[in-house]
Amino acid sequence: MMVAKGSKGWIAIPLVLTMGAILLRIYPIAIVGAALVIFFMLFFRDPDRTPNGLGFISPADGVVMHAGSKVTIFMRLHDVHVNRAPLPGTIKKIRYLKGMHRPAFLDTNQNEQNHITIETMHGDVSVTQIAGILARRIVCYVKEGDKVEAGQRIGTILLGSRVEVTIPSEYELTVKPGDRVKAGESVIARER
């Protein structure tokens, strides 16, 4: 199973703890360590995804919180936290902002954020990764000038959170608040 870039340390620490506890025959600690390894392996999983048709692809797994000219997706604990490009294009700008770590389901602009602007044939599309209360790190996989395809991995939020994406005016939404979506697979808008 593939795991998200930047997450191996989260898995290595409890793995070393588990191995040490087994060698020292401290089995209760070994059990806790093994449970943490399994939890982090599942949490940081990064499955291959293929877009389900043509259109504007969801950049995140989760539940749609807001759907309009901007779509907000809240990633729950059991969702894959790797984010993907919604359309093909070129990474035009990346802007990282340090901030707080309030619950991601709240509509706060004060949290840690990473803004990725993708220049597409329909204009600029902004994907904003927003860290939550547990998240302490946003990992960006792309740099300015990179070419990306729809559904390509662009980053992850470790232990976290929420993604907001702007929708070009040429697109009509196919989702509404409460819908579940999958990054790199679900079409959230189609060209008019």
C-alpha atoms as a PDB file:
ATOM      1  CA  MET A   1       0.000   0.000   0.000  1.00  0.00           C
ATOM      2  CA  MET A   2       1.314   3.433  -0.930  1.00  0.00           C
ATOM      3  CA  VAL A   3       1.413   6.104   1.790  1.00  0.00           C
ATOM      4  CA  ALA A   4       1.341   9.876   1.394  1.00  0.00           C
ATOM      5  CA  LYS A   5       4.620  11.749   0.999  1.00  0.00           C
ATOM      6  CA  GLY A   6       5.748  13.295   4.256  1.00  0.00           C
ATOM      7  CA  SER A   7       3.964  10.706   6.423  1.00  0.00           C
ATOM      8  CA  LYS A   8       6.662   8.048   6.841  1.00  0.00           C
ATOM      9  CA  GLY A   9       7.929   9.569  10.102  1.00  0.00           C
ATOM     10  CA  TRP A  10       4.460   9.221  11.605  1.00  0.00           C
ATOM     11  CA  ILE A  11       4.583   5.492  10.799  1.00  0.00           C
ATOM     12  CA  ALA A  12       8.265   4.910  11.659  1.00  0.00           C
ATOM     13  CA  ILE A  13       8.064   6.159  15.254  1.00  0.00           C
ATOM     14  CA  PRO A  14       5.362   3.729  16.456  1.00  0.00           C
ATOM     15  CA  LEU A  15       6.990   0.956  14.368  1.00  0.00           C
ATOM     16  CA  VAL A  16      10.299   1.434  16.213  1.00  0.00           C
ATOM     17  CA  LEU A  17       8.379   1.596  19.508  1.00  0.00           C
ATOM     18  CA  THR A  18       6.616  -1.677  18.664  1.00  0.00           C
ATOM     19  CA  MET A  19       9.827  -3.471  17.683  1.00  0.00           C
ATOM     20  CA  GLY A  20      11.618  -2.247  20.822  1.00  0.00           C
ATOM     21  CA  ALA A  21       8.733  -3.297  23.039  1.00  0.00           C
ATOM     22  CA  ILE A  22       8.685  -6.769  21.458  1.00  0.00           C
ATOM     23  CA  LEU A  23      12.448  -7.159  21.990  1.00  0.00           C
ATOM     24  CA  LEU A  24      12.053  -6.050  25.614  1.00  0.00           C
ATOM     25  CA  ARG A  25       8.939  -8.237  25.995  1.00  0.00           C
ATOM     26  CA  ILE A  26       6.758  -5.304  27.044  1.00  0.00           C
ATOM     27  CA  TYR A  27       3.716  -6.591  25.187  1.00  0.00           C
ATOM     28  CA  PRO A  28       1.112  -3.989  26.227  1.00  0.00           C
ATOM     29  CA  ILE A  29       3.308  -1.251  24.723  1.00  0.00           C
ATOM     30  CA  ALA A  30       3.925  -3.423  21.647  1.00  0.00           C
ATOM     31  CA  ILE A  31       0.162  -3.764  21.156  1.00  0.00           C
ATOM     32  CA  VAL A  32      -0.378   0.004  21.438  1.00  0.00           C
ATOM     33  CA  GLY A  33       2.529   0.635  19.042  1.00  0.00           C
ATOM     34  CA  ALA A  34       1.185  -1.895  16.522  1.00  0.00           C
ATOM     35  CA  ALA A  35      -2.273  -0.299  16.724  1.00  0.00           C
ATOM     36  CA  LEU A  36      -0.706   3.120  15.994  1.00  0.00           C
ATOM     37  CA  VAL A  37       1.209   1.695  13.010  1.00  0.00           C
ATOM     38  CA  ILE A  38      -2.019   0.262  11.592  1.00  0.00           C
ATOM     39  CA  PHE A  39      -3.922   3.504  12.255  1.00  0.00           C
ATOM     40  CA  PHE A  40      -1.279   5.672  10.544  1.00  0.00           C
ATOM     41  CA  MET A  41      -0.938   3.258   7.599  1.00  0.00           C
ATOM     42  CA  LEU A  42      -4.699   3.519   7.030  1.00  0.00           C
ATOM     43  CA  PHE A  43      -4.855   7.257   7.682  1.00  0.00           C
ATOM     44  CA  PHE A  44      -1.962   8.108   5.353  1.00  0.00           C
ATOM     45  CA  ARG A  45      -2.964   5.714   2.569  1.00  0.00           C
ATOM     46  CA  ASP A  46      -2.610   7.041  -0.949  1.00  0.00           C
ATOM     47  CA  PRO A  47      -4.508   4.855  -3.434  1.00  0.00           C
ATOM     48  CA  ASP A  48      -4.238   5.279  -7.181  1.00  0.00           C
ATOM     49  CA  ARG A  49      -7.272   7.064  -8.616  1.00  0.00           C
ATOM     50  CA  THR A  50      -8.677   7.511 -12.136  1.00  0.00           C
ATOM     51  CA  PRO A  51     -11.171  10.309 -12.947  1.00  0.00           C
ATOM     52  CA  ASN A  52     -14.746   9.065 -13.516  1.00  0.00           C
ATOM     53  CA  GLY A  53     -15.393  10.919 -16.768  1.00  0.00           C
ATOM     54  CA  LEU A  54     -14.603  14.349 -18.119  1.00  0.00           C
ATOM     55  CA  GLY A  55     -15.104  17.443 -16.050  1.00  0.00           C
ATOM     56  CA  PHE A  56     -13.854  19.299 -13.010  1.00  0.00           C
ATOM     57  CA  ILE A  57     -12.400  16.653 -10.663  1.00  0.00           C
ATOM     58  CA  SER A  58     -12.720  16.822  -6.873  1.00  0.00           C
ATOM     59  CA  PRO A  59      -9.421  17.881  -5.265  1.00  0.00           C
ATOM     60  CA  ALA A  60     -10.230  16.112  -1.977  1.00  0.00           C
ATOM     61  CA  ASP A  61     -12.053  13.192  -0.392  1.00  0.00           C
ATOM     62  CA  GLY A  62     -14.813  14.165   1.988  1.00  0.00           C
ATOM     63  CA  VAL A  63     -18.149  15.877   2.391  1.00  0.00           C
ATOM     64  CA  VAL A  64     -19.137  18.983   0.425  1.00  0.00           C
ATOM     65  CA  MET A  65     -19.759  21.777   2.957  1.00  0.00           C
ATOM     66  CA  HIS A  66     -20.401  24.597   0.470  1.00  0.00           C
ATOM     67  CA  ALA A  67     -21.117  24.544  -3.270  1.00  0.00           C
ATOM     68  CA  GLY A  68     -21.089  27.703  -5.359  1.00  0.00           C
ATOM     69  CA  SER A  69     -18.368  29.596  -7.210  1.00  0.00           C
ATOM     70  CA  LYS A  70     -16.164  27.965  -4.590  1.00  0.00           C
ATOM     71  CA  VAL A  71     -16.582  24.375  -3.361  1.00  0.00           C
ATOM     72  CA  THR A  72     -15.509  23.542   0.189  1.00  0.00           C
ATOM     73  CA  ILE A  73     -14.788  19.910   1.096  1.00  0.00           C
ATOM     74  CA  PHE A  74     -14.299  18.731   4.684  1.00  0.00           C
ATOM     75  CA  MET A  75     -12.041  15.693   5.037  1.00  0.00           C
ATOM     76  CA  ARG A  76     -13.070  13.397   7.866  1.00  0.00           C
ATOM     77  CA  LEU A  77     -10.748  11.093   9.786  1.00  0.00           C
ATOM     78  CA  HIS A  78     -11.429   8.075   7.527  1.00  0.00           C
ATOM     79  CA  ASP A  79     -10.990   9.990   4.234  1.00  0.00           C
ATOM     80  CA  VAL A  80      -7.808   9.903   2.131  1.00  0.00           C
ATOM     81  CA  HIS A  81      -5.988  13.190   2.813  1.00  0.00           C
ATOM     82  CA  VAL A  82      -3.990  13.418  -0.429  1.00  0.00           C
ATOM     83  CA  ASN A  83      -5.187  16.324  -2.589  1.00  0.00           C
ATOM     84  CA  ARG A  84      -5.307  16.333  -6.401  1.00  0.00           C
ATOM     85  CA  ALA A  85      -5.456  18.760  -9.315  1.00  0.00           C
ATOM     86  CA  PRO A  86      -9.052  19.377 -10.497  1.00  0.00           C
ATOM     87  CA  LEU A  87      -8.078  20.288 -14.097  1.00  0.00           C
ATOM     88  CA  PRO A  88      -4.954  20.007 -16.244  1.00  0.00           C
ATOM     89  CA  GLY A  89      -2.730  23.066 -16.298  1.00  0.00           C
ATOM     90  CA  THR A  90       0.420  24.707 -15.010  1.00  0.00           C
ATOM     91  CA  ILE A  91       1.161  25.600 -11.391  1.00  0.00           C
ATOM     92  CA  LYS A  92       1.190  29.408 -11.576  1.00  0.00           C
ATOM     93  CA  LYS A  93       1.652  30.339  -7.926  1.00  0.00           C
ATOM     94  CA  ILE A  94       2.015  28.715  -4.496  1.00  0.00           C
ATOM     95  CA  ARG A  95       1.492  30.785  -1.378  1.00  0.00           C
ATOM     96  CA  TYR A  96       1.854  29.276   2.106  1.00  0.00           C
ATOM     97  CA  LEU A  97       0.407  31.089   5.129  1.00  0.00           C
ATOM     98  CA  LYS A  98       1.200  30.162   8.706  1.00  0.00           C
ATOM     99  CA  GLY A  99      -1.794  30.285  10.981  1.00  0.00           C
ATOM    100  CA  MET A 100      -3.844  28.798  13.753  1.00  0.00           C
ATOM    101  CA  HIS A 101      -5.166  25.252  14.057  1.00  0.00           C
ATOM    102  CA  ARG A 102      -8.864  25.637  14.754  1.00  0.00           C
ATOM    103  CA  PRO A 103     -11.400  22.940  13.798  1.00  0.00           C
ATOM    104  CA  ALA A 104     -11.499  22.699   9.977  1.00  0.00           C
ATOM    105  CA  PHE A 105     -15.289  22.421   9.823  1.00  0.00           C
ATOM    106  CA  LEU A 106     -15.497  26.023  11.076  1.00  0.00           C
ATOM    107  CA  ASP A 107     -15.299  28.641   8.362  1.00  0.00           C
ATOM    108  CA  THR A 108     -12.085  30.275   9.565  1.00  0.00           C
ATOM    109  CA  ASN A 109      -9.532  32.032   7.385  1.00  0.00           C
ATOM    110  CA  GLN A 110      -7.036  32.187  10.264  1.00  0.00           C
ATOM    111  CA  ASN A 111      -5.849  28.566   9.986  1.00  0.00           C
ATOM    112  CA  GLU A 112      -2.600  27.444   8.361  1.00  0.00           C
ATOM    113  CA  GLN A 113      -3.157  27.388   4.584  1.00  0.00           C
ATOM    114  CA  ASN A 114      -1.461  26.583   1.305  1.00  0.00           C
ATOM    115  CA  HIS A 115      -2.880  28.288  -1.806  1.00  0.00           C
ATOM    116  CA  ILE A 116      -2.073  26.613  -5.129  1.00  0.00           C
ATOM    117  CA  THR A 117      -3.073  28.519  -8.267  1.00  0.00           C
ATOM    118  CA  ILE A 118      -3.331  26.403 -11.425  1.00  0.00           C
ATOM    119  CA  GLU A 119      -3.434  28.143 -14.786  1.00  0.00           C
ATOM    120  CA  THR A 120      -5.923  26.179 -16.918  1.00  0.00           C
ATOM    121  CA  MET A 121      -7.529  26.665 -20.333  1.00  0.00           C
ATOM    122  CA  HIS A 122     -10.571  28.013 -18.411  1.00  0.00           C
ATOM    123  CA  GLY A 123      -8.563  30.535 -16.396  1.00  0.00           C
ATOM    124  CA  ASP A 124      -6.928  30.320 -12.995  1.00  0.00           C
ATOM    125  CA  VAL A 125      -8.225  27.749 -10.515  1.00  0.00           C
ATOM    126  CA  SER A 126      -7.298  28.104  -6.846  1.00  0.00           C
ATOM    127  CA  VAL A 127      -6.951  25.031  -4.602  1.00  0.00           C
ATOM    128  CA  THR A 128      -6.569  25.998  -0.935  1.00  0.00           C
ATOM    129  CA  GLN A 129      -5.440  23.394   1.592  1.00  0.00           C
ATOM    130  CA  ILE A 130      -6.500  24.370   5.123  1.00  0.00           C
ATOM    131  CA  ALA A 131      -5.079  22.642   8.200  1.00  0.00           C
ATOM    132  CA  GLY A 132      -7.367  21.749  11.080  1.00  0.00           C
ATOM    133  CA  ILE A 133      -7.099  21.295  14.818  1.00  0.00           C
ATOM    134  CA  LEU A 134      -4.882  18.183  14.691  1.00  0.00           C
ATOM    135  CA  ALA A 135      -3.043  18.953  11.476  1.00  0.00           C
ATOM    136  CA  ARG A 136       0.338  20.486  11.968  1.00  0.00           C
ATOM    137  CA  ARG A 137       1.760  20.166   8.488  1.00  0.00           C
ATOM    138  CA  ILE A 138       0.730  20.763   4.902  1.00  0.00           C
ATOM    139  CA  VAL A 139       2.949  19.002   2.364  1.00  0.00           C
ATOM    140  CA  CYS A 140       3.015  20.440  -1.160  1.00  0.00           C
ATOM    141  CA  TYR A 141       4.093  18.019  -3.929  1.00  0.00           C
ATOM    142  CA  VAL A 142       4.323  20.590  -6.741  1.00  0.00           C
ATOM    143  CA  LYS A 143       6.278  23.756  -7.452  1.00  0.00           C
ATOM    144  CA  GLU A 144       5.625  26.806  -9.594  1.00  0.00           C
ATOM    145  CA  GLY A 145       5.978  26.000 -13.297  1.00  0.00           C
ATOM    146  CA  ASP A 146       5.062  22.304 -12.945  1.00  0.00           C
ATOM    147  CA  LYS A 147       2.564  20.909 -15.444  1.00  0.00           C
ATOM    148  CA  VAL A 148      -0.235  18.835 -13.866  1.00  0.00           C
ATOM    149  CA  GLU A 149      -2.940  16.558 -15.197  1.00  0.00           C
ATOM    150  CA  ALA A 150      -6.492  16.309 -13.822  1.00  0.00           C
ATOM    151  CA  GLY A 151      -6.403  13.974 -10.830  1.00  0.00           C
ATOM    152  CA  GLN A 152      -2.640  14.274 -10.289  1.00  0.00           C
ATOM    153  CA  ARG A 153      -1.430  14.425  -6.678  1.00  0.00           C
ATOM    154  CA  ILE A 154      -0.540  17.985  -5.636  1.00  0.00           C
ATOM    155  CA  GLY A 155      -0.188  17.675  -1.853  1.00  0.00           C
ATOM    156  CA  THR A 156      -1.517  16.367   1.427  1.00  0.00           C
ATOM    157  CA  ILE A 157      -2.610  17.739   4.773  1.00  0.00           C
ATOM    158  CA  LEU A 158      -1.214  15.553   7.543  1.00  0.00           C
ATOM    159  CA  LEU A 159      -4.008  14.769  10.007  1.00  0.00           C
ATOM    160  CA  GLY A 160      -6.263  17.054   8.392  1.00  0.00           C
ATOM    161  CA  SER A 161      -8.843  19.087   7.259  1.00  0.00           C
ATOM    162  CA  ARG A 162     -10.495  21.134   4.530  1.00  0.00           C
ATOM    163  CA  VAL A 163      -9.938  22.017   0.874  1.00  0.00           C
ATOM    164  CA  GLU A 164     -11.529  24.919  -1.001  1.00  0.00           C
ATOM    165  CA  VAL A 165     -11.471  25.130  -4.787  1.00  0.00           C
ATOM    166  CA  THR A 166     -12.708  27.856  -7.132  1.00  0.00           C
ATOM    167  CA  ILE A 167     -14.963  26.801 -10.026  1.00  0.00           C
ATOM    168  CA  PRO A 168     -14.574  28.552 -13.422  1.00  0.00           C
ATOM    169  CA  SER A 169     -17.728  30.261 -14.703  1.00  0.00           C
ATOM    170  CA  GLU A 170     -17.825  27.899 -17.719  1.00  0.00           C
ATOM    171  CA  TYR A 171     -18.631  25.023 -15.362  1.00  0.00           C
ATOM    172  CA  GLU A 172     -21.926  23.951 -13.799  1.00  0.00           C
ATOM    173  CA  LEU A 173     -21.841  22.209 -10.417  1.00  0.00           C
ATOM    174  CA  THR A 174     -22.862  18.557 -10.153  1.00  0.00           C
ATOM    175  CA  VAL A 175     -22.607  18.474  -6.328  1.00  0.00           C
ATOM    176  CA  LYS A 176     -24.465  20.035  -3.432  1.00  0.00           C
ATOM    177  CA  PRO A 177     -23.759  20.368   0.310  1.00  0.00           C
ATOM    178  CA  GLY A 178     -23.781  16.965   2.019  1.00  0.00           C
ATOM    179  CA  ASP A 179     -22.550  15.022  -1.035  1.00  0.00           C
ATOM    180  CA  ARG A 180     -19.576  12.675  -0.566  1.00  0.00           C
ATOM    181  CA  VAL A 181     -16.756  13.047  -3.084  1.00  0.00           C
ATOM    182  CA  LYS A 182     -13.461  11.287  -3.836  1.00  0.00           C
ATOM    183  CA  ALA A 183     -10.272  13.123  -4.828  1.00  0.00           C
ATOM    184  CA  GLY A 184      -9.130  12.339  -8.340  1.00  0.00           C
ATOM    185  CA  GLU A 185     -12.360  10.435  -9.179  1.00  0.00           C
ATOM    186  CA  SER A 186     -15.546  12.381  -8.538  1.00  0.00           C
ATOM    187  CA  VAL A 187     -16.616  14.980 -11.103  1.00  0.00           C
ATOM    188  CA  ILE A 188     -17.902  17.986  -9.144  1.00  0.00           C
ATOM    189  CA  ALA A 189     -18.680  20.242 -12.147  1.00  0.00           C
ATOM    190  CA  ARG A 190     -19.134  19.870 -15.905  1.00  0.00           C
ATOM    191  CA  GLU A 191     -18.497  22.312 -18.716  1.00  0.00           C
ATOM    192  CA  ARG A 192     -21.712  24.117 -19.769  1.00  0.00           C
END
